[in-house]
Protein backbone atom coordinates (compact mmCIF):
# COMPACT_ATOMS: atom_id res chain seq x y z
CA MET A 1 -26.77 7.34 -19.12
CA LYS A 2 -25.51 10.39 -17.24
CA LEU A 3 -22.93 9.55 -14.58
CA SER A 4 -21.58 11.75 -11.84
CA THR A 5 -18.51 13.86 -12.52
CA GLY A 6 -16.52 11.96 -9.91
CA VAL A 7 -17.25 8.56 -11.43
CA ARG A 8 -16.37 9.80 -14.91
CA ARG A 9 -13.04 11.10 -13.60
CA LEU A 10 -12.27 7.70 -12.08
CA ALA A 11 -13.00 5.94 -15.36
CA GLU A 12 -10.74 8.30 -17.30
CA ARG A 13 -7.61 7.68 -15.25
CA PRO A 14 -4.44 7.27 -17.42
CA ARG A 15 -3.75 3.91 -15.76
CA ASN A 16 -6.85 2.49 -17.40
CA THR A 17 -5.56 3.56 -20.83
CA LEU A 18 -2.21 1.80 -20.31
CA LEU A 19 -3.88 -1.41 -19.13
CA GLU A 20 -6.16 -1.34 -22.15
CA ALA A 21 -3.12 -0.99 -24.46
CA ALA A 22 -1.40 -3.91 -22.70
CA ARG A 23 -4.23 -6.29 -23.58
CA GLN A 24 -3.13 -6.44 -27.22
CA TYR A 25 0.07 -8.32 -26.28
CA PRO A 26 -0.62 -12.03 -25.52
CA ASP A 27 3.01 -12.59 -24.48
CA LEU A 28 3.01 -9.60 -22.11
CA ILE A 29 5.19 -9.74 -18.99
CA SER A 30 3.30 -7.69 -16.43
CA LEU A 31 5.27 -6.02 -13.65
CA GLY A 32 2.29 -3.87 -12.73
CA ARG A 33 0.00 -5.55 -10.22
CA GLY A 34 0.37 -5.38 -6.46
CA ASP A 35 -0.91 -8.92 -5.91
CA PRO A 36 1.49 -11.46 -4.37
CA ASP A 37 1.93 -14.45 -6.67
CA LEU A 38 2.81 -16.82 -3.83
CA PRO A 39 0.05 -19.06 -2.46
CA THR A 40 -1.79 -18.45 0.78
CA PRO A 41 -0.18 -20.72 3.45
CA ASP A 42 -1.76 -24.14 3.78
CA HIS A 43 -2.82 -23.79 7.42
CA ILE A 44 -4.79 -20.64 6.57
CA ILE A 45 -6.59 -22.37 3.71
CA ALA A 46 -7.34 -25.33 6.00
CA ALA A 47 -8.84 -22.99 8.59
CA ALA A 48 -11.10 -21.46 5.93
CA LYS A 49 -12.28 -24.88 4.77
CA GLY A 50 -13.00 -25.85 8.35
CA ALA A 51 -14.87 -22.60 8.88
CA LEU A 52 -17.12 -23.31 5.90
CA ASP A 53 -17.80 -26.83 7.16
CA GLY A 54 -18.46 -25.36 10.62
CA GLY A 55 -21.13 -22.97 9.40
CA HIS A 56 -19.22 -19.68 9.29
CA THR A 57 -21.33 -18.51 6.36
CA HIS A 58 -23.39 -15.74 7.98
CA TYR A 59 -22.82 -12.18 9.17
CA THR A 60 -20.36 -11.68 11.98
CA HIS A 61 -20.49 -8.91 14.55
CA LEU A 62 -20.44 -5.53 12.79
CA HIS A 63 -16.95 -4.80 14.15
CA GLY A 64 -15.65 -8.26 13.29
CA ASP A 65 -15.49 -11.68 14.91
CA PRO A 66 -14.68 -11.14 18.62
CA VAL A 67 -12.00 -13.85 18.56
CA LEU A 68 -10.27 -12.11 15.65
CA ARG A 69 -10.42 -8.74 17.38
CA ARG A 70 -8.89 -10.21 20.52
CA ALA A 71 -6.12 -11.81 18.45
CA LEU A 72 -5.50 -8.47 16.76
CA ALA A 73 -5.32 -6.70 20.13
CA GLU A 74 -2.68 -9.19 21.29
CA LYS A 75 -0.72 -8.72 18.07
CA LEU A 76 -0.87 -4.91 18.32
CA GLU A 77 0.35 -4.98 21.92
CA ARG A 78 3.15 -7.44 21.17
CA ASP A 79 4.39 -6.22 17.79
CA ASN A 80 3.38 -2.59 17.53
CA GLY A 81 3.40 -1.19 21.05
CA ILE A 82 -0.25 -0.19 20.69
CA HIS A 83 -2.80 -1.01 23.37
CA ALA A 84 -6.27 -1.33 21.81
CA ASP A 85 -9.52 -2.45 23.41
CA PRO A 86 -10.78 -5.27 21.15
CA GLU A 87 -14.39 -4.44 22.00
CA THR A 88 -14.34 -0.74 21.08
CA GLU A 89 -11.11 0.24 19.30
CA ILE A 90 -10.72 -2.32 16.49
CA LEU A 91 -12.88 -2.56 13.38
CA VAL A 92 -12.44 -5.48 10.95
CA THR A 93 -13.05 -4.37 7.36
CA THR A 94 -13.46 -5.95 3.94
CA GLY A 95 -9.80 -5.50 3.12
CA ALA A 96 -7.52 -2.58 3.92
CA GLN A 97 -8.88 -0.88 0.78
CA GLU A 98 -12.27 -0.49 2.44
CA ALA A 99 -10.51 0.68 5.61
CA LEU A 100 -8.76 3.43 3.64
CA TYR A 101 -12.03 4.54 2.06
CA LEU A 102 -13.91 4.58 5.37
CA VAL A 103 -11.25 6.64 7.11
CA VAL A 104 -10.98 9.27 4.38
CA GLN A 105 -14.77 9.64 4.18
CA ALA A 106 -14.95 10.05 7.94
CA LEU A 107 -12.23 12.72 8.11
CA LEU A 108 -12.88 14.97 5.09
CA ASP A 109 -15.69 17.39 4.41
CA VAL A 110 -15.99 19.41 1.18
CA ASP A 111 -12.65 21.11 0.35
CA ASP A 112 -10.87 19.65 3.38
CA GLU A 113 -7.27 18.63 2.78
CA LEU A 114 -5.35 15.41 3.37
CA LEU A 115 -1.55 15.69 3.27
CA ILE A 116 0.35 12.69 1.92
CA PRO A 117 4.03 12.19 1.02
CA ASP A 118 4.47 12.00 -2.74
CA PRO A 119 4.86 9.72 -4.71
CA HIS A 120 1.91 8.01 -3.07
CA TYR A 121 -0.70 5.28 -3.31
CA THR A 122 -3.39 6.88 -5.44
CA SER A 123 -6.40 5.28 -3.79
CA TYR A 124 -6.11 8.13 -1.32
CA ASP A 125 -6.82 10.56 -4.18
CA LEU A 126 -9.85 8.57 -5.25
CA ALA A 127 -11.23 8.34 -1.72
CA ALA A 128 -10.72 12.08 -1.22
CA LEU A 129 -12.47 12.75 -4.52
CA ALA A 130 -15.46 10.73 -3.32
CA ALA A 131 -15.52 12.85 -0.13
CA ARG A 132 -15.16 16.04 -2.22
CA GLY A 133 -11.98 16.81 -0.36
CA ARG A 134 -8.46 17.19 -1.71
CA VAL A 135 -5.16 15.37 -1.43
CA ILE A 136 -2.18 17.70 -0.98
CA PRO A 137 1.05 15.96 -2.09
CA VAL A 138 4.16 16.53 0.01
CA PRO A 139 7.25 15.82 -2.11
CA THR A 140 9.86 13.25 -1.10
CA TYR A 141 13.25 12.80 -2.71
CA HIS A 142 15.54 9.98 -3.77
CA GLU A 143 18.41 11.52 -1.79
CA ASP A 144 16.29 11.23 1.38
CA ASP A 145 15.40 7.60 0.64
CA PHE A 146 11.88 8.86 -0.13
CA VAL A 147 11.25 9.70 3.53
CA VAL A 148 9.32 12.95 3.90
CA ARG A 149 10.96 16.00 5.49
CA PRO A 150 8.96 17.43 8.42
CA ASP A 151 9.43 21.00 7.16
CA GLU A 152 7.87 20.00 3.82
CA ILE A 153 4.80 18.87 5.76
CA GLU A 154 4.59 22.02 7.86
CA ARG A 155 4.78 24.45 4.97
CA ARG A 156 1.69 22.84 3.41
CA ILE A 157 -0.53 22.95 6.49
CA THR A 158 -3.47 25.31 6.03
CA ALA A 159 -6.75 26.06 7.78
CA GLN A 160 -8.29 23.30 5.65
CA THR A 161 -5.78 20.58 6.63
CA ARG A 162 -7.52 17.76 8.47
CA ALA A 163 -5.09 14.85 8.39
CA LEU A 164 -1.74 13.45 7.29
CA ALA A 165 -1.35 9.97 5.77
CA ILE A 166 1.91 8.03 6.15
CA VAL A 167 2.32 4.75 4.25
CA SER A 168 5.29 2.74 5.54
CA PRO A 169 6.60 0.47 4.12
CA ASN A 170 5.71 2.53 1.10
CA ASN A 171 3.94 1.80 -2.14
CA PRO A 172 5.26 2.72 -4.73
CA THR A 173 8.82 3.48 -3.60
CA GLY A 174 9.68 0.61 -1.25
CA ALA A 175 10.84 3.13 1.38
CA VAL A 176 10.61 2.31 5.09
CA TYR A 177 10.35 5.17 7.58
CA PRO A 178 12.92 4.85 10.38
CA SER A 179 11.79 5.43 13.94
CA GLU A 180 13.64 8.77 14.18
CA ALA A 181 11.80 10.12 11.14
CA LEU A 182 8.46 9.00 12.52
CA ALA A 183 9.23 10.68 15.83
CA ARG A 184 9.74 14.01 14.02
CA ILE A 185 6.49 13.52 12.10
CA ALA A 186 4.71 12.80 15.41
CA GLU A 187 6.01 16.11 16.77
CA VAL A 188 4.55 17.94 13.77
CA ALA A 189 1.20 16.18 14.16
CA ILE A 190 0.97 17.01 17.85
CA ARG A 191 2.06 20.63 17.35
CA HIS A 192 -0.54 21.22 14.64
CA GLU A 193 -3.23 18.93 16.10
CA LEU A 194 -3.35 16.74 13.00
CA VAL A 195 -4.98 13.34 12.76
CA VAL A 196 -2.53 10.85 11.25
CA ILE A 197 -3.51 7.88 9.09
CA SER A 198 -0.79 5.27 9.53
CA ASP A 199 -1.11 2.82 6.65
CA GLU A 200 0.90 -0.27 7.60
CA ILE A 201 -0.37 -2.85 5.10
CA TYR A 202 3.21 -3.84 4.10
CA GLU A 203 4.36 -4.07 7.72
CA LEU A 204 5.64 -7.65 7.44
CA GLN A 205 7.59 -7.15 4.23
CA LEU A 206 10.92 -5.74 5.38
CA PHE A 207 14.39 -6.34 3.95
CA ALA A 208 18.00 -6.09 5.15
CA GLY A 209 17.42 -5.72 8.87
CA GLN A 210 14.76 -3.01 8.52
CA ARG A 211 12.38 -2.57 11.47
CA HIS A 212 8.79 -1.41 11.41
CA THR A 213 7.58 1.21 13.88
CA SER A 214 3.93 2.19 14.32
CA LEU A 215 3.13 5.88 14.62
CA GLY A 216 0.42 5.09 17.14
CA SER A 217 3.06 3.85 19.58
CA PHE A 218 4.66 7.29 20.11
CA PRO A 219 3.70 9.36 23.18
CA GLY A 220 0.73 11.58 22.45
CA MET A 221 -0.09 9.81 19.19
CA ARG A 222 -2.46 7.02 20.23
CA GLU A 223 -5.43 9.39 20.47
CA ARG A 224 -4.72 11.07 17.12
CA THR A 225 -3.63 8.06 15.02
CA ILE A 226 -5.84 5.83 12.88
CA THR A 227 -3.91 2.69 11.95
CA ILE A 228 -4.84 0.75 8.82
CA ASN A 229 -3.57 -2.78 8.24
CA GLY A 230 -4.64 -6.14 6.87
CA PHE A 231 -3.68 -9.62 5.76
CA SER A 232 -3.40 -9.20 1.99
CA LYS A 233 0.31 -8.56 1.52
CA GLY A 234 2.03 -10.25 4.46
CA TYR A 235 0.07 -13.50 4.22
CA ALA A 236 -0.62 -13.52 0.44
CA MET A 237 -4.34 -13.13 1.13
CA THR A 238 -5.39 -10.41 -1.31
CA GLY A 239 -8.50 -12.29 -2.41
CA TRP A 240 -9.67 -13.03 1.12
CA ARG A 241 -10.55 -9.39 1.85
CA VAL A 242 -9.76 -8.93 5.52
CA GLY A 243 -8.34 -5.66 6.83
CA TYR A 244 -8.70 -3.70 10.03
CA ILE A 245 -8.67 -0.24 11.58
CA VAL A 246 -7.33 0.70 15.01
CA ALA A 247 -8.58 4.02 16.39
CA PRO A 248 -10.13 5.68 19.45
CA ALA A 249 -13.50 4.22 20.43
CA ASP A 250 -15.60 7.16 19.20
CA VAL A 251 -13.92 7.00 15.79
CA VAL A 252 -14.43 3.24 15.50
CA ALA A 253 -18.11 3.65 16.39
CA ALA A 254 -18.58 6.20 13.61
CA LEU A 255 -16.58 4.16 11.09
CA GLY A 256 -18.63 1.09 11.98
CA ALA A 257 -21.83 2.78 10.85
CA LEU A 258 -20.31 3.62 7.45
CA HIS A 259 -18.79 0.13 7.22
CA HIS A 260 -22.26 -1.36 7.68
CA THR A 261 -23.54 0.72 4.77
CA LEU A 262 -20.79 -0.54 2.45
CA THR A 263 -20.22 -4.21 3.28
CA ILE A 264 -21.77 -5.09 6.69
CA CYS A 265 -18.81 -7.35 7.48
CA ALA A 266 -15.78 -9.05 6.00
CA PRO A 267 -16.52 -12.63 4.84
CA ALA A 268 -17.07 -14.77 7.94
CA PHE A 269 -14.97 -17.72 6.77
CA ALA A 270 -12.14 -15.35 5.77
CA GLN A 271 -12.13 -13.88 9.27
CA GLN A 272 -11.55 -17.41 10.59
CA ALA A 273 -8.65 -17.71 8.15
CA ALA A 274 -7.26 -14.43 9.48
CA ILE A 275 -7.34 -15.83 13.01
CA ALA A 276 -5.26 -18.77 11.77
CA ALA A 277 -2.85 -16.35 10.08
CA LEU A 278 -2.27 -14.45 13.32
CA THR A 279 -2.09 -17.41 15.69
CA GLY A 280 -0.55 -20.10 13.47
CA PRO A 281 3.03 -20.69 12.31
CA GLN A 282 4.80 -17.68 10.81
CA GLU A 283 7.47 -19.47 8.78
CA ALA A 284 5.53 -18.87 5.56
CA VAL A 285 5.70 -15.11 6.15
CA ALA A 286 9.47 -15.26 6.54
CA GLU A 287 9.73 -17.33 3.35
CA LEU A 288 7.57 -14.85 1.47
CA VAL A 289 9.83 -11.99 2.55
CA ARG A 290 12.97 -13.93 1.56
CA THR A 291 11.47 -14.65 -1.84
CA TYR A 292 10.69 -11.02 -2.60
CA ASP A 293 14.01 -9.85 -1.23
CA GLU A 294 15.85 -12.25 -3.55
CA ARG A 295 13.74 -11.14 -6.50
CA GLN A 296 14.27 -7.43 -5.94
CA ARG A 297 18.03 -7.96 -5.59
CA LEU A 298 18.07 -9.94 -8.85
CA PHE A 299 16.04 -7.26 -10.60
CA VAL A 300 18.08 -4.30 -9.37
CA ARG A 301 21.32 -6.03 -10.43
CA GLY A 302 19.81 -6.76 -13.82
CA LEU A 303 18.70 -3.16 -14.26
CA ARG A 304 22.25 -1.96 -13.68
CA GLU A 305 23.59 -4.44 -16.20
CA ILE A 306 21.32 -2.99 -18.92
CA GLY A 307 22.15 0.62 -18.07
CA LEU A 308 19.34 1.56 -15.66
CA ASP A 309 19.26 1.99 -11.91
CA ALA A 310 16.72 1.89 -9.09
CA PHE A 311 16.06 2.91 -5.53
CA GLU A 312 16.89 -0.22 -3.56
CA PRO A 313 13.69 -1.08 -1.69
CA ARG A 314 13.75 -1.48 2.07
CA GLY A 315 10.42 -3.31 2.01
CA THR A 316 7.26 -4.23 -0.01
CA PHE A 317 7.66 -6.09 -3.32
CA TYR A 318 8.16 -3.05 -5.56
CA VAL A 319 11.25 -1.67 -7.27
CA PHE A 320 11.18 2.03 -8.15
CA VAL A 321 13.16 2.11 -11.39
CA ASP A 322 15.18 5.31 -12.01
CA ILE A 323 14.74 6.43 -15.63
CA ARG A 324 15.85 10.05 -15.25
CA ARG A 325 18.93 9.61 -17.42
CA ILE A 326 16.84 8.48 -20.42
CA GLY A 327 15.37 11.93 -20.92
CA VAL A 328 11.74 11.00 -21.55
CA SER A 329 8.69 11.22 -19.31
CA SER A 330 7.79 8.20 -17.20
CA GLN A 331 4.56 7.83 -19.15
CA GLU A 332 6.39 7.81 -22.49
CA PHE A 333 8.98 5.38 -21.11
CA THR A 334 6.41 2.84 -19.93
CA LYS A 335 4.37 3.10 -23.16
CA ARG A 336 7.49 2.55 -25.27
CA LEU A 337 8.63 -0.29 -23.01
CA LEU A 338 5.23 -1.89 -23.52
CA ASP A 339 5.38 -1.51 -27.31
CA GLU A 340 9.08 -2.34 -27.78
CA ALA A 341 9.56 -5.05 -25.14
CA ARG A 342 6.06 -6.17 -24.18
CA VAL A 343 6.87 -5.43 -20.54
CA LEU A 344 4.36 -3.54 -18.42
CA MET A 345 5.39 -1.18 -15.62
CA TYR A 346 3.50 1.76 -14.13
CA PRO A 347 4.83 5.28 -14.73
CA GLY A 348 6.04 7.02 -11.60
CA SER A 349 3.82 9.95 -12.54
CA TYR A 350 0.78 7.75 -11.84
CA PHE A 351 1.75 8.07 -8.19
CA GLY A 352 2.12 11.85 -8.16
CA THR A 353 4.35 14.60 -9.48
CA ALA A 354 7.31 13.49 -7.35
CA GLY A 355 7.20 10.10 -9.07
CA GLU A 356 8.19 11.58 -12.41
CA GLY A 357 11.52 10.15 -13.56
CA PHE A 358 10.73 6.70 -12.15
CA ALA A 359 8.64 3.63 -13.01
CA ARG A 360 7.25 1.06 -10.59
CA ALA A 361 7.97 -2.62 -11.16
CA SER A 362 6.27 -5.31 -9.10
CA MET A 363 8.28 -8.40 -8.15
CA THR A 364 5.27 -10.70 -8.30
CA LEU A 365 6.74 -13.03 -10.93
CA PRO A 366 9.24 -15.90 -10.53
CA PRO A 367 12.95 -15.23 -11.22
CA ALA A 368 12.86 -16.78 -14.71
CA LYS A 369 10.17 -14.33 -15.79
CA LEU A 370 12.00 -11.41 -14.21
CA ARG A 371 15.15 -12.37 -16.14
CA GLU A 372 13.13 -12.59 -19.34
CA ALA A 373 11.69 -9.14 -18.65
CA LEU A 374 15.20 -7.76 -18.14
CA ASP A 375 16.39 -9.38 -21.39
CA ARG A 376 13.51 -7.82 -23.29
CA MET A 377 14.11 -4.45 -21.67
CA GLY A 378 17.80 -4.57 -22.57
CA SER A 379 16.86 -4.91 -26.24
CA ALA A 380 14.32 -2.08 -26.22
CA GLU A 381 15.33 1.12 -27.98
CA VAL A 382 14.09 3.28 -25.10
CA VAL A 383 16.48 1.49 -22.72
CA ARG A 384 19.40 1.51 -25.17
CA ARG A 385 19.16 5.31 -25.00
CA ALA A 386 20.20 5.10 -21.34
CA ARG A 387 23.34 3.12 -22.23
CA ALA A 388 24.20 5.61 -24.98
CA ARG A 389 24.25 8.57 -22.61
C-alpha cells in the first residue's frame, strides 16, 4: 500500500531502529521513556472512579469541562501571573501532545519556519512536517546551561519565520530558563513580532530552589504567547491524556475547530480527575519532585564514579549524560551501551545537532535499578574508554 512521504519519514526515524534492537534483550534496563513510574495520587484516582459512577462517560464541552477551565484560570492567575478567560481563552486537549500538534498546525503554512532551541523535543519536528513547514534549530551550549542566547535566535529570523518555541523546564537537557533569560527572549519576540509557544509541561518538576516563570506573564507577551501545559508529568498522569492551551480568544476558537476534528474532547472522567489534581492536596507533587531529585543526584554521582559526567538538571526527570570525552558519536555510544551493558539511553543527536556528544537518561526507575544500570555501564568497554583517556 502506498503511504504518504511524510508518514514514511516518521516510520523511518532512527529512534524506532534503536527501540527495535532493544527488544532482543529480556534483561534490558531502559532509561529511555519519558513516563513517570510513580503512581497517580490516590485522590485523583478516586475522583476518576467517582466520575465514572456519576455518569461522566459522554462528550464534554468542546473546549473542556467548564469547571476544569475555571480551575485552570485560577491556577494560571495564582501560579503563572497569566489572566485567562476560562470561557474563551483556555482549551482542554487530549494531552499536551495534542496541544503541541494543534498549535503547530495552526501557525505554519507550507515552508513556514518555527525556531526552537536545540537540542529539542522532536515532536515539534514531526508536527511541522505534518504542516509542511520547517523547524529551524537554534543551538544552545553546555557552558550556558543550555539556555538559548537571544542573538542566536535573531540571526535565524527570516521572512518565513512564524514562531519561536521555548520548552522550560527542558526535555531533553533538564535546563530551566531563568526569568532574566526569558525577559530577553520576550524582547526579541516583541521586536520581531513573533508568536511564542511556551511549552511548560514540566513546570512542577523543579530542583534546588529553581523557579518557573511563564513567558505569557511578561508585559506585551500575553497577546503573542500560546502556553501549552498538562497533567502528565507533574501529577504522574501520562495515561489520562489531559492537557491544555492558553491563548487569545481568536486563537482558541480556531484551535477548537481543529481539536474537534482530531479528538472532540479529552476523556470526560479524566477531566474530572484533572479537577481533583488542581484543587486537591499537593503533597504528592512535592514527593514526586523529591523522588526524581534524589534519583538524578544518585545517577550523576554514579556517572562521575565510572568516568563520565553530566549536565546537572535543574528540573524534569532527565539527565543529559556528557560523552564527549569518549570520542564516539552519541548514536554509536548508545548502540554499544545497549549491546555491551543492556542499558538503553537515547542519543543526544536524536534531539538535534546540538545534542551530539550527549545521551539522555530518564530517571523513571527506582534507585536499585539505577545503581544496577550504573554498574553495568561501568563494565562496558565503551565507558572504560572514557576512564582510559
